């Protein structure tokens, strides 16, 4: 397994959601990141552990049950309006993130803005090269931005995704996120991806970890 350099999150490491999707390899797994996933580096999965060439454990992969929580949908036009207030436009801890970085012209361009009830929402036009790891990535950051704030950076620690149906290239989808609980440095968040017809495509449960600003 290799995480190509274009799929970065923080500089020099893989986007957590995309990397976890690669590690899960289409299986119903929960992925716990132990180290920042290295880019352009051969990684091996043996007995539920993803290791780098030096043997360090990058991630742990374990079977998971159903992801039970669904974040309620929001319409595409409302998601567009929410996205215009995306906090990351003015204060992003990792502005070159492949998923939500405003400094990326070749990323997914998912900019989750706040909704009045505390959810986040963003429109997403699905690219031609869509893949299951890309869906994991699309579900990653919208949940994170339910807790991330100015001078309050978080990174993904653990994620599980339930993928019901792949979106098609060119689909105009909506992804929504919400905060479930926050305690100490950890926050539990949920996110859901909806297709152009409003049907649910995938959902995620994730734990985010606060880092030093």
N, C-alpha and C. Protein backbone atom coordinates (compact mmCIF):
# COMPACT_ATOMS: atom_id res chain seq x y z
N UNK A 1 0.84 -1.20 0.00
CA UNK A 1 0.00 0.00 0.00
C UNK A 1 0.88 1.25 0.00
N UNK A 2 0.44 2.24 -0.78
CA UNK A 2 1.15 3.52 -0.83
C UNK A 2 0.10 4.64 -0.82
N UNK A 3 0.34 5.67 -0.01
CA UNK A 3 -0.49 6.87 -0.04
C UNK A 3 0.23 7.89 -0.92
N UNK A 4 -0.26 8.12 -2.15
CA UNK A 4 0.41 9.08 -3.02
C UNK A 4 0.45 10.48 -2.39
N UNK A 5 1.48 11.23 -2.73
CA UNK A 5 1.73 12.52 -2.12
C UNK A 5 0.59 13.51 -2.26
N UNK A 6 -0.21 13.41 -3.32
CA UNK A 6 -1.29 14.39 -3.51
C UNK A 6 -2.39 14.26 -2.47
N UNK A 7 -2.46 13.12 -1.78
CA UNK A 7 -3.54 12.89 -0.83
C UNK A 7 -3.11 13.25 0.59
N UNK A 8 -2.48 14.40 0.74
CA UNK A 8 -1.99 14.80 2.06
C UNK A 8 -3.09 15.44 2.90
N UNK A 9 -2.88 15.41 4.19
CA UNK A 9 -3.68 16.18 5.14
C UNK A 9 -2.79 17.28 5.67
N UNK A 10 -2.27 17.11 6.90
CA UNK A 10 -1.19 18.00 7.34
C UNK A 10 0.02 17.85 6.41
N UNK A 11 0.84 18.87 6.29
CA UNK A 11 1.99 18.78 5.38
C UNK A 11 2.85 17.56 5.69
N UNK A 12 3.15 16.80 4.65
CA UNK A 12 4.07 15.67 4.80
C UNK A 12 3.44 14.37 5.25
N UNK A 13 2.11 14.35 5.46
CA UNK A 13 1.47 13.10 5.87
C UNK A 13 0.12 12.96 5.18
N UNK A 14 -0.38 11.74 5.12
CA UNK A 14 -1.61 11.47 4.41
C UNK A 14 -2.83 12.03 5.09
N UNK A 15 -3.81 12.43 4.29
CA UNK A 15 -5.12 12.77 4.86
C UNK A 15 -5.63 11.55 5.62
N UNK A 16 -6.12 11.79 6.85
CA UNK A 16 -6.50 10.67 7.69
C UNK A 16 -7.59 9.82 7.10
N UNK A 17 -8.64 10.43 6.57
CA UNK A 17 -9.73 9.67 6.00
C UNK A 17 -9.32 8.88 4.78
N UNK A 18 -8.58 9.52 3.87
CA UNK A 18 -8.13 8.81 2.68
C UNK A 18 -7.23 7.64 3.05
N UNK A 19 -6.27 7.89 3.95
CA UNK A 19 -5.35 6.85 4.35
C UNK A 19 -6.09 5.68 4.99
N UNK A 20 -7.04 5.99 5.87
CA UNK A 20 -7.81 4.94 6.52
C UNK A 20 -8.60 4.13 5.50
N UNK A 21 -9.13 4.79 4.48
CA UNK A 21 -9.84 4.08 3.43
C UNK A 21 -8.95 3.13 2.67
N UNK A 22 -7.71 3.53 2.42
CA UNK A 22 -6.75 2.63 1.78
C UNK A 22 -6.47 1.44 2.69
N UNK A 23 -6.27 1.70 3.96
CA UNK A 23 -5.95 0.63 4.90
C UNK A 23 -7.12 -0.34 5.06
N UNK A 24 -8.35 0.15 5.03
CA UNK A 24 -9.52 -0.72 5.16
C UNK A 24 -9.72 -1.59 3.93
N UNK A 25 -9.33 -1.09 2.76
CA UNK A 25 -9.36 -1.87 1.52
C UNK A 25 -10.74 -2.46 1.25
N UNK A 26 -11.77 -1.64 1.45
CA UNK A 26 -13.12 -2.07 1.10
C UNK A 26 -13.82 -2.92 2.14
N UNK A 27 -13.17 -3.21 3.25
CA UNK A 27 -13.76 -4.04 4.29
C UNK A 27 -14.43 -3.16 5.36
N UNK A 28 -15.39 -3.72 6.12
CA UNK A 28 -16.05 -2.95 7.19
C UNK A 28 -15.17 -2.86 8.44
N UNK A 29 -14.13 -2.06 8.33
CA UNK A 29 -13.16 -1.94 9.40
C UNK A 29 -13.23 -0.56 10.06
N UNK A 30 -12.76 -0.52 11.30
CA UNK A 30 -12.46 0.73 11.98
C UNK A 30 -10.94 0.87 11.98
N UNK A 31 -10.47 2.04 11.61
CA UNK A 31 -9.03 2.27 11.49
C UNK A 31 -8.61 3.29 12.54
N UNK A 32 -7.61 2.91 13.33
CA UNK A 32 -7.04 3.80 14.34
C UNK A 32 -5.64 4.20 13.88
N UNK A 33 -5.43 5.50 13.71
CA UNK A 33 -4.13 6.00 13.27
C UNK A 33 -3.21 6.16 14.46
N UNK A 34 -2.05 5.54 14.41
CA UNK A 34 -1.07 5.62 15.48
C UNK A 34 0.06 6.59 15.17
N UNK A 35 0.34 6.79 13.90
CA UNK A 35 1.35 7.74 13.44
C UNK A 35 0.80 8.48 12.24
N UNK A 36 1.28 9.68 11.94
CA UNK A 36 0.88 10.33 10.70
C UNK A 36 1.22 9.43 9.51
N UNK A 37 0.26 9.07 8.67
CA UNK A 37 0.55 8.18 7.54
C UNK A 37 1.58 8.79 6.60
N UNK A 38 2.69 8.10 6.38
CA UNK A 38 3.71 8.66 5.48
C UNK A 38 3.26 8.61 4.03
N UNK A 39 3.72 9.58 3.26
CA UNK A 39 3.38 9.67 1.85
C UNK A 39 4.43 8.98 0.98
N UNK A 40 3.97 8.43 -0.15
CA UNK A 40 4.86 7.84 -1.15
C UNK A 40 5.81 6.82 -0.52
N UNK A 41 5.30 6.06 0.42
CA UNK A 41 6.11 5.09 1.17
C UNK A 41 5.40 3.75 1.17
N UNK A 42 6.08 2.66 0.82
CA UNK A 42 5.44 1.33 0.86
C UNK A 42 5.06 0.96 2.30
N UNK A 43 3.81 0.58 2.49
CA UNK A 43 3.31 0.18 3.79
C UNK A 43 2.75 -1.24 3.68
N UNK A 44 2.81 -1.98 4.76
CA UNK A 44 2.32 -3.35 4.75
C UNK A 44 1.29 -3.55 5.84
N UNK A 45 0.29 -4.38 5.55
CA UNK A 45 -0.75 -4.73 6.52
C UNK A 45 -0.58 -6.19 6.90
N UNK A 46 -0.24 -6.42 8.15
CA UNK A 46 -0.03 -7.77 8.65
C UNK A 46 -0.72 -7.90 10.01
N UNK A 47 -1.63 -8.86 10.11
CA UNK A 47 -2.33 -9.14 11.36
C UNK A 47 -2.95 -7.88 11.97
N UNK A 48 -3.61 -7.11 11.13
CA UNK A 48 -4.35 -5.95 11.61
C UNK A 48 -3.51 -4.72 11.90
N UNK A 49 -2.25 -4.75 11.56
CA UNK A 49 -1.39 -3.58 11.79
C UNK A 49 -0.74 -3.14 10.49
N UNK A 50 -0.85 -1.83 10.23
CA UNK A 50 -0.17 -1.24 9.07
C UNK A 50 1.19 -0.74 9.54
N UNK A 51 2.25 -1.22 8.90
CA UNK A 51 3.61 -0.86 9.32
C UNK A 51 4.36 -0.18 8.19
N UNK A 52 5.27 0.73 8.57
CA UNK A 52 6.15 1.36 7.60
C UNK A 52 7.37 0.47 7.37
N UNK A 53 8.27 0.85 6.46
CA UNK A 53 9.43 -0.01 6.17
C UNK A 53 10.33 -0.29 7.37
N UNK A 54 10.28 0.57 8.38
CA UNK A 54 11.08 0.35 9.58
C UNK A 54 10.37 -0.49 10.63
N UNK A 55 9.14 -0.87 10.33
CA UNK A 55 8.38 -1.70 11.26
C UNK A 55 7.50 -0.93 12.23
N UNK A 56 7.53 0.39 12.19
CA UNK A 56 6.69 1.18 13.08
C UNK A 56 5.22 1.01 12.71
N UNK A 57 4.35 0.95 13.71
CA UNK A 57 2.91 0.78 13.47
C UNK A 57 2.30 2.14 13.13
N UNK A 58 1.81 2.24 11.91
CA UNK A 58 1.17 3.46 11.43
C UNK A 58 -0.31 3.47 11.80
N UNK A 59 -0.95 2.30 11.73
CA UNK A 59 -2.39 2.21 11.99
C UNK A 59 -2.75 0.80 12.42
N UNK A 60 -3.87 0.71 13.12
CA UNK A 60 -4.45 -0.57 13.47
C UNK A 60 -5.82 -0.68 12.82
N UNK A 61 -6.11 -1.85 12.27
CA UNK A 61 -7.34 -2.08 11.51
C UNK A 61 -8.11 -3.21 12.19
N UNK A 62 -9.33 -2.94 12.62
CA UNK A 62 -10.12 -3.93 13.34
C UNK A 62 -11.52 -3.99 12.76
N UNK A 63 -12.17 -5.16 12.76
CA UNK A 63 -13.56 -5.25 12.30
C UNK A 63 -14.46 -4.40 13.17
N UNK A 64 -15.48 -3.84 12.57
CA UNK A 64 -16.42 -3.00 13.31
C UNK A 64 -17.83 -3.36 12.94
N UNK A 65 -18.76 -3.11 13.84
CA UNK A 65 -20.16 -3.31 13.53
C UNK A 65 -20.71 -2.13 12.74
N UNK A 66 -22.02 -2.06 12.68
CA UNK A 66 -22.66 -0.99 11.92
C UNK A 66 -22.34 0.38 12.52
N UNK A 67 -22.22 1.37 11.65
CA UNK A 67 -22.13 2.76 12.08
C UNK A 67 -23.56 3.24 12.22
N UNK A 68 -24.02 3.43 13.45
CA UNK A 68 -25.45 3.58 13.71
C UNK A 68 -25.98 4.98 13.46
N UNK A 69 -25.18 6.00 13.67
CA UNK A 69 -25.70 7.37 13.65
C UNK A 69 -25.70 7.96 12.24
N UNK A 70 -26.83 8.52 11.85
CA UNK A 70 -26.96 9.24 10.58
C UNK A 70 -27.17 10.72 10.88
N UNK A 71 -26.36 11.57 10.28
CA UNK A 71 -26.56 13.01 10.42
C UNK A 71 -27.68 13.42 9.47
N UNK A 72 -28.70 14.14 9.95
CA UNK A 72 -29.83 14.49 9.08
C UNK A 72 -29.38 15.28 7.85
N UNK A 73 -30.07 15.09 6.74
CA UNK A 73 -29.65 15.73 5.48
C UNK A 73 -29.98 17.22 5.45
N UNK A 74 -29.39 17.86 4.49
CA UNK A 74 -29.66 19.27 4.20
C UNK A 74 -29.65 19.41 2.68
N UNK A 75 -30.43 20.31 2.15
CA UNK A 75 -30.50 20.47 0.71
C UNK A 75 -29.22 21.03 0.10
N UNK A 76 -29.06 20.81 -1.20
CA UNK A 76 -27.83 21.23 -1.88
C UNK A 76 -27.65 22.75 -1.81
N UNK A 77 -28.70 23.50 -2.06
CA UNK A 77 -28.58 24.97 -2.03
C UNK A 77 -28.24 25.45 -0.62
N UNK A 78 -28.82 24.83 0.40
CA UNK A 78 -28.50 25.20 1.77
C UNK A 78 -27.06 24.86 2.11
N UNK A 79 -26.57 23.73 1.58
CA UNK A 79 -25.17 23.36 1.80
C UNK A 79 -24.23 24.36 1.13
N UNK A 80 -24.61 24.83 -0.04
CA UNK A 80 -23.81 25.85 -0.71
C UNK A 80 -23.73 27.12 0.13
N UNK A 81 -24.85 27.53 0.69
CA UNK A 81 -24.86 28.74 1.52
C UNK A 81 -24.00 28.54 2.77
N UNK A 82 -24.12 27.38 3.40
CA UNK A 82 -23.32 27.10 4.59
C UNK A 82 -21.83 27.14 4.27
N UNK A 83 -21.47 26.62 3.12
CA UNK A 83 -20.06 26.54 2.74
C UNK A 83 -19.41 27.91 2.60
N UNK A 84 -20.19 28.94 2.27
CA UNK A 84 -19.61 30.27 2.12
C UNK A 84 -19.08 30.81 3.44
N UNK A 85 -19.54 30.24 4.57
CA UNK A 85 -19.09 30.68 5.89
C UNK A 85 -18.06 29.72 6.48
N UNK A 86 -17.42 28.93 5.64
CA UNK A 86 -16.41 27.98 6.09
C UNK A 86 -15.28 28.70 6.84
N UNK A 87 -15.07 28.29 8.10
CA UNK A 87 -14.05 28.93 8.93
C UNK A 87 -12.66 28.76 8.33
N UNK A 88 -12.45 27.66 7.61
CA UNK A 88 -11.13 27.38 7.05
C UNK A 88 -10.67 28.36 5.99
N UNK A 89 -11.57 29.16 5.46
CA UNK A 89 -11.15 30.17 4.49
C UNK A 89 -10.25 31.22 5.12
N UNK A 90 -10.43 31.47 6.40
CA UNK A 90 -9.66 32.53 7.07
C UNK A 90 -8.74 32.01 8.16
N UNK A 91 -8.96 30.76 8.62
CA UNK A 91 -8.12 30.22 9.69
C UNK A 91 -8.03 28.72 9.63
N UNK A 92 -7.25 28.20 8.71
CA UNK A 92 -7.12 26.76 8.51
C UNK A 92 -5.78 26.28 9.04
N UNK A 93 -5.78 25.25 9.94
CA UNK A 93 -4.48 24.78 10.45
C UNK A 93 -3.65 24.07 9.39
N UNK A 94 -4.31 23.49 8.37
CA UNK A 94 -3.59 22.76 7.32
C UNK A 94 -4.18 23.15 5.96
N UNK A 95 -3.87 24.34 5.45
CA UNK A 95 -4.57 24.88 4.28
C UNK A 95 -4.30 24.14 2.98
N UNK A 96 -3.35 23.19 2.98
CA UNK A 96 -3.12 22.41 1.76
C UNK A 96 -3.73 21.01 1.86
N UNK A 97 -4.61 20.78 2.84
CA UNK A 97 -5.28 19.48 2.97
C UNK A 97 -5.99 19.12 1.66
N UNK A 98 -5.84 17.89 1.23
CA UNK A 98 -6.45 17.43 -0.02
C UNK A 98 -7.97 17.56 -0.01
N UNK A 99 -8.59 17.38 1.13
CA UNK A 99 -10.05 17.38 1.20
C UNK A 99 -10.60 18.79 1.36
N UNK A 100 -10.11 19.53 2.34
CA UNK A 100 -10.77 20.79 2.74
C UNK A 100 -9.83 21.98 2.71
N UNK A 101 -8.67 21.84 2.12
CA UNK A 101 -7.71 22.94 2.11
C UNK A 101 -8.04 23.99 1.06
N UNK A 102 -8.20 25.25 1.46
CA UNK A 102 -8.53 26.30 0.49
C UNK A 102 -7.37 26.63 -0.44
N UNK A 103 -6.16 26.18 -0.11
CA UNK A 103 -5.01 26.46 -0.96
C UNK A 103 -4.79 25.37 -2.01
N UNK A 104 -5.70 24.40 -2.11
CA UNK A 104 -5.55 23.33 -3.09
C UNK A 104 -6.48 23.55 -4.28
N UNK A 105 -5.92 23.63 -5.47
CA UNK A 105 -6.75 23.71 -6.67
C UNK A 105 -7.06 22.33 -7.22
N UNK A 106 -6.38 21.29 -6.72
CA UNK A 106 -6.55 19.93 -7.22
C UNK A 106 -7.12 19.00 -6.15
N UNK A 107 -7.72 19.57 -5.09
CA UNK A 107 -8.29 18.75 -4.03
C UNK A 107 -9.78 18.51 -4.23
N UNK A 108 -10.43 17.98 -3.19
CA UNK A 108 -11.86 17.69 -3.28
C UNK A 108 -12.70 18.94 -3.15
N UNK A 109 -12.16 20.01 -2.59
CA UNK A 109 -12.90 21.26 -2.48
C UNK A 109 -14.13 21.15 -1.60
N UNK A 110 -14.02 20.40 -0.52
CA UNK A 110 -15.12 20.27 0.43
C UNK A 110 -14.88 21.26 1.56
N UNK A 111 -15.74 22.28 1.63
CA UNK A 111 -15.57 23.36 2.59
C UNK A 111 -16.79 23.41 3.52
N UNK A 112 -16.78 22.63 4.60
CA UNK A 112 -17.97 22.51 5.45
C UNK A 112 -18.19 23.73 6.34
N UNK A 113 -19.28 24.41 6.09
CA UNK A 113 -19.62 25.57 6.89
C UNK A 113 -20.68 25.25 7.92
N UNK A 114 -20.89 26.14 8.87
CA UNK A 114 -21.84 25.87 9.96
C UNK A 114 -23.29 26.01 9.53
N UNK A 115 -24.11 25.14 10.09
CA UNK A 115 -25.56 25.21 9.96
C UNK A 115 -26.11 25.62 11.33
N UNK A 116 -27.25 26.29 11.35
CA UNK A 116 -27.75 26.90 12.58
C UNK A 116 -27.90 25.92 13.74
N UNK A 117 -28.19 24.65 13.44
CA UNK A 117 -28.42 23.69 14.52
C UNK A 117 -27.13 23.02 15.00
N UNK A 118 -25.98 23.51 14.55
CA UNK A 118 -24.71 22.97 15.00
C UNK A 118 -24.06 21.99 14.05
N UNK A 119 -24.78 21.59 13.01
CA UNK A 119 -24.17 20.73 12.01
C UNK A 119 -23.23 21.53 11.10
N UNK A 120 -22.42 20.82 10.34
CA UNK A 120 -21.69 21.41 9.23
C UNK A 120 -22.25 20.82 7.94
N UNK A 121 -22.09 21.55 6.86
CA UNK A 121 -22.59 21.07 5.57
C UNK A 121 -21.74 21.64 4.45
N UNK A 122 -21.58 20.84 3.39
CA UNK A 122 -20.83 21.29 2.22
C UNK A 122 -21.31 20.55 0.99
N UNK A 123 -21.35 21.23 -0.15
CA UNK A 123 -21.58 20.52 -1.41
C UNK A 123 -20.29 19.85 -1.87
N UNK A 124 -20.45 18.80 -2.66
CA UNK A 124 -19.28 18.10 -3.20
C UNK A 124 -19.61 17.59 -4.59
N UNK A 125 -18.87 18.08 -5.59
CA UNK A 125 -18.97 17.55 -6.94
C UNK A 125 -17.97 16.41 -7.07
N UNK A 126 -18.45 15.21 -7.31
CA UNK A 126 -17.62 14.00 -7.28
C UNK A 126 -16.69 13.98 -8.48
N UNK A 127 -15.38 13.78 -8.26
CA UNK A 127 -14.42 13.78 -9.38
C UNK A 127 -14.48 12.49 -10.19
N UNK A 128 -13.87 12.54 -11.36
CA UNK A 128 -13.89 11.40 -12.27
C UNK A 128 -13.19 10.17 -11.68
N UNK A 129 -12.18 10.38 -10.85
CA UNK A 129 -11.40 9.26 -10.32
C UNK A 129 -11.88 8.81 -8.94
N UNK A 130 -13.18 8.98 -8.66
CA UNK A 130 -13.70 8.64 -7.34
C UNK A 130 -13.43 7.18 -7.00
N UNK A 131 -13.14 6.94 -5.74
CA UNK A 131 -12.79 5.61 -5.24
C UNK A 131 -13.30 5.48 -3.81
N UNK A 132 -13.38 4.27 -3.27
CA UNK A 132 -13.79 4.14 -1.86
C UNK A 132 -12.93 4.96 -0.89
N UNK A 133 -11.58 4.95 -1.00
CA UNK A 133 -10.82 5.81 -0.09
C UNK A 133 -11.17 7.29 -0.22
N UNK A 134 -11.58 7.72 -1.42
CA UNK A 134 -11.96 9.12 -1.60
C UNK A 134 -13.27 9.41 -0.86
N UNK A 135 -14.18 8.44 -0.82
CA UNK A 135 -15.41 8.62 -0.06
C UNK A 135 -15.09 8.71 1.43
N UNK A 136 -14.17 7.87 1.91
CA UNK A 136 -13.73 7.97 3.30
C UNK A 136 -13.19 9.38 3.56
N UNK A 137 -12.41 9.90 2.62
CA UNK A 137 -11.84 11.24 2.77
C UNK A 137 -12.94 12.30 2.83
N UNK A 138 -13.95 12.16 1.96
CA UNK A 138 -15.03 13.13 1.92
C UNK A 138 -15.82 13.16 3.22
N UNK A 139 -15.89 12.02 3.92
CA UNK A 139 -16.60 11.94 5.19
C UNK A 139 -15.75 12.40 6.36
N UNK A 140 -14.45 12.54 6.15
CA UNK A 140 -13.51 12.83 7.22
C UNK A 140 -13.63 14.28 7.73
N UNK A 141 -13.26 15.22 6.91
CA UNK A 141 -13.14 16.61 7.35
C UNK A 141 -14.46 17.27 7.77
N UNK A 142 -15.61 16.99 7.12
CA UNK A 142 -16.84 17.63 7.59
C UNK A 142 -17.19 17.30 9.03
N UNK A 143 -16.86 16.10 9.49
CA UNK A 143 -17.03 15.81 10.91
C UNK A 143 -16.05 16.58 11.77
N UNK A 144 -14.81 16.65 11.32
CA UNK A 144 -13.79 17.37 12.07
C UNK A 144 -14.12 18.83 12.27
N UNK A 145 -14.69 19.46 11.23
CA UNK A 145 -14.98 20.89 11.33
C UNK A 145 -16.18 21.20 12.23
N UNK A 146 -16.79 20.16 12.77
CA UNK A 146 -17.80 20.38 13.80
C UNK A 146 -17.16 20.71 15.14
N UNK A 147 -15.84 20.48 15.27
CA UNK A 147 -15.12 20.77 16.52
C UNK A 147 -13.94 21.70 16.29
N UNK A 148 -13.35 21.68 15.09
CA UNK A 148 -12.20 22.54 14.79
C UNK A 148 -12.65 24.00 14.82
N UNK A 149 -11.81 24.85 15.36
CA UNK A 149 -12.10 26.27 15.37
C UNK A 149 -10.82 27.07 15.27
N UNK A 150 -10.91 28.40 15.22
CA UNK A 150 -9.71 29.24 15.19
C UNK A 150 -8.81 28.92 16.38
N UNK A 151 -7.56 28.63 16.08
CA UNK A 151 -6.57 28.29 17.10
C UNK A 151 -6.99 27.06 17.91
N UNK A 152 -7.77 26.16 17.28
CA UNK A 152 -8.20 24.94 17.94
C UNK A 152 -8.08 23.79 16.93
N UNK A 153 -6.83 23.43 16.56
CA UNK A 153 -6.65 22.37 15.56
C UNK A 153 -6.87 20.97 16.13
N UNK A 154 -7.43 20.12 15.31
CA UNK A 154 -7.62 18.70 15.63
C UNK A 154 -7.13 17.87 14.44
N UNK A 155 -6.79 16.62 14.69
CA UNK A 155 -6.47 15.67 13.63
C UNK A 155 -7.25 14.39 13.87
N UNK A 156 -7.47 13.64 12.81
CA UNK A 156 -8.21 12.39 12.91
C UNK A 156 -7.42 11.34 13.69
N UNK A 157 -8.10 10.70 14.63
CA UNK A 157 -7.47 9.61 15.38
C UNK A 157 -8.02 8.25 15.02
N UNK A 158 -9.33 8.18 14.74
CA UNK A 158 -9.98 6.88 14.46
C UNK A 158 -11.21 7.15 13.61
N UNK A 159 -11.50 6.23 12.67
CA UNK A 159 -12.67 6.39 11.82
C UNK A 159 -13.18 5.03 11.37
N UNK A 160 -14.50 4.92 11.31
CA UNK A 160 -15.18 3.77 10.72
C UNK A 160 -16.20 4.29 9.71
N UNK A 161 -16.28 3.66 8.56
CA UNK A 161 -17.17 4.11 7.49
C UNK A 161 -18.08 2.96 7.07
N UNK A 162 -19.34 3.26 6.89
CA UNK A 162 -20.30 2.32 6.31
C UNK A 162 -20.70 2.86 4.95
N UNK A 163 -20.21 2.21 3.90
CA UNK A 163 -20.43 2.66 2.53
C UNK A 163 -21.55 1.83 1.91
N UNK A 164 -22.67 2.51 1.66
CA UNK A 164 -23.83 1.81 1.09
C UNK A 164 -23.77 1.79 -0.44
N UNK A 165 -23.38 2.90 -1.03
CA UNK A 165 -23.38 3.01 -2.48
C UNK A 165 -22.39 4.08 -2.90
N UNK A 166 -21.61 3.79 -3.94
CA UNK A 166 -20.64 4.75 -4.44
C UNK A 166 -21.33 5.86 -5.22
N UNK A 167 -20.89 7.10 -5.03
CA UNK A 167 -21.38 8.17 -5.91
C UNK A 167 -20.76 8.03 -7.29
N UNK A 168 -21.40 8.60 -8.28
CA UNK A 168 -20.90 8.56 -9.65
C UNK A 168 -20.13 9.84 -9.96
N UNK A 169 -19.16 9.75 -10.88
CA UNK A 169 -18.45 10.96 -11.28
C UNK A 169 -19.42 12.05 -11.74
N UNK A 170 -19.19 13.26 -11.27
CA UNK A 170 -20.03 14.38 -11.63
C UNK A 170 -21.23 14.59 -10.74
N UNK A 171 -21.54 13.63 -9.86
CA UNK A 171 -22.68 13.81 -8.96
C UNK A 171 -22.48 15.03 -8.07
N UNK A 172 -23.54 15.77 -7.87
CA UNK A 172 -23.52 16.89 -6.92
C UNK A 172 -24.10 16.40 -5.60
N UNK A 173 -23.21 16.08 -4.68
CA UNK A 173 -23.57 15.48 -3.40
C UNK A 173 -23.52 16.52 -2.29
N UNK A 174 -24.01 16.12 -1.13
CA UNK A 174 -23.93 16.93 0.08
C UNK A 174 -23.36 16.06 1.19
N UNK A 175 -22.41 16.61 1.93
CA UNK A 175 -21.87 15.91 3.09
C UNK A 175 -22.10 16.78 4.32
N UNK A 176 -22.59 16.14 5.38
CA UNK A 176 -22.92 16.86 6.60
C UNK A 176 -22.20 16.21 7.78
N UNK A 177 -21.88 17.02 8.79
CA UNK A 177 -21.20 16.51 9.97
C UNK A 177 -21.81 17.10 11.23
N UNK A 178 -21.55 16.43 12.35
CA UNK A 178 -22.01 16.97 13.63
C UNK A 178 -21.14 16.43 14.76
N UNK A 179 -21.05 17.21 15.81
CA UNK A 179 -20.32 16.82 17.02
C UNK A 179 -21.26 16.03 17.92
N UNK A 180 -20.78 14.87 18.39
CA UNK A 180 -21.55 14.06 19.34
C UNK A 180 -21.15 14.40 20.77
N UNK A 181 -19.86 14.24 21.09
CA UNK A 181 -19.36 14.54 22.42
C UNK A 181 -17.94 15.05 22.32
N UNK A 182 -17.53 15.83 23.30
CA UNK A 182 -16.15 16.30 23.40
C UNK A 182 -15.74 16.24 24.86
N UNK A 183 -14.60 15.60 25.11
CA UNK A 183 -14.09 15.49 26.47
C UNK A 183 -12.58 15.52 26.43
N UNK A 184 -12.00 16.46 27.16
CA UNK A 184 -10.55 16.59 27.13
C UNK A 184 -10.08 16.89 25.72
N UNK A 185 -9.12 16.11 25.25
CA UNK A 185 -8.56 16.33 23.91
C UNK A 185 -9.31 15.56 22.83
N UNK A 186 -10.32 14.75 23.19
CA UNK A 186 -10.99 13.90 22.22
C UNK A 186 -12.38 14.40 21.90
N UNK A 187 -12.76 14.24 20.64
CA UNK A 187 -14.11 14.59 20.20
C UNK A 187 -14.65 13.47 19.32
N UNK A 188 -15.88 13.04 19.60
CA UNK A 188 -16.56 12.05 18.77
C UNK A 188 -17.47 12.79 17.81
N UNK A 189 -17.32 12.51 16.51
CA UNK A 189 -18.12 13.19 15.50
C UNK A 189 -18.73 12.17 14.55
N UNK A 190 -19.78 12.60 13.86
CA UNK A 190 -20.42 11.78 12.84
C UNK A 190 -20.54 12.58 11.55
N UNK A 191 -20.61 11.87 10.44
CA UNK A 191 -20.82 12.53 9.15
C UNK A 191 -21.58 11.58 8.23
N UNK A 192 -22.30 12.17 7.28
CA UNK A 192 -23.10 11.39 6.34
C UNK A 192 -23.01 12.04 4.96
N UNK A 193 -22.92 11.20 3.94
CA UNK A 193 -22.85 11.65 2.55
C UNK A 193 -24.16 11.31 1.86
N UNK A 194 -24.73 12.32 1.18
CA UNK A 194 -25.99 12.16 0.46
C UNK A 194 -25.78 12.39 -1.03
N UNK A 195 -26.49 11.61 -1.85
CA UNK A 195 -26.41 11.74 -3.29
C UNK A 195 -27.32 12.83 -3.83
N UNK A 196 -27.29 13.04 -5.16
CA UNK A 196 -28.09 14.10 -5.77
C UNK A 196 -29.59 13.92 -5.54
N UNK A 197 -30.05 12.67 -5.35
CA UNK A 197 -31.46 12.41 -5.12
C UNK A 197 -31.83 12.48 -3.64
N UNK A 198 -30.88 12.84 -2.78
CA UNK A 198 -31.14 12.93 -1.36
C UNK A 198 -30.99 11.62 -0.61
N UNK A 199 -30.65 10.53 -1.33
CA UNK A 199 -30.49 9.24 -0.67
C UNK A 199 -29.12 9.16 0.00
N UNK A 200 -29.08 8.49 1.14
CA UNK A 200 -27.81 8.32 1.84
C UNK A 200 -26.89 7.39 1.05
N UNK A 201 -25.63 7.80 0.94
CA UNK A 201 -24.62 6.98 0.28
C UNK A 201 -23.66 6.33 1.28
N UNK A 202 -23.26 7.06 2.32
CA UNK A 202 -22.28 6.54 3.27
C UNK A 202 -22.37 7.35 4.56
N UNK A 203 -21.90 6.75 5.63
CA UNK A 203 -21.87 7.43 6.93
C UNK A 203 -20.59 7.05 7.66
N UNK A 204 -20.17 7.90 8.61
CA UNK A 204 -18.92 7.67 9.31
C UNK A 204 -19.05 8.04 10.78
N UNK A 205 -18.26 7.37 11.59
CA UNK A 205 -18.08 7.68 13.01
C UNK A 205 -16.59 7.88 13.21
N UNK A 206 -16.21 8.98 13.86
CA UNK A 206 -14.79 9.28 13.96
C UNK A 206 -14.46 9.93 15.30
N UNK A 207 -13.23 9.70 15.72
CA UNK A 207 -12.67 10.37 16.90
C UNK A 207 -11.55 11.29 16.44
N UNK A 208 -11.64 12.54 16.83
CA UNK A 208 -10.62 13.53 16.50
C UNK A 208 -9.86 13.91 17.78
N UNK A 209 -8.58 14.22 17.61
CA UNK A 209 -7.70 14.51 18.74
C UNK A 209 -7.15 15.92 18.60
N UNK A 210 -7.26 16.72 19.67
CA UNK A 210 -6.71 18.07 19.66
C UNK A 210 -5.19 18.03 19.67
N UNK A 211 -4.60 18.93 18.92
CA UNK A 211 -3.14 19.04 18.87
C UNK A 211 -2.74 20.45 19.25
N UNK A 212 -1.48 20.62 19.57
CA UNK A 212 -0.98 21.94 19.94
C UNK A 212 -1.10 22.87 18.75
N UNK A 213 -1.57 24.08 18.97
CA UNK A 213 -1.73 25.04 17.91
C UNK A 213 -0.42 25.65 17.48
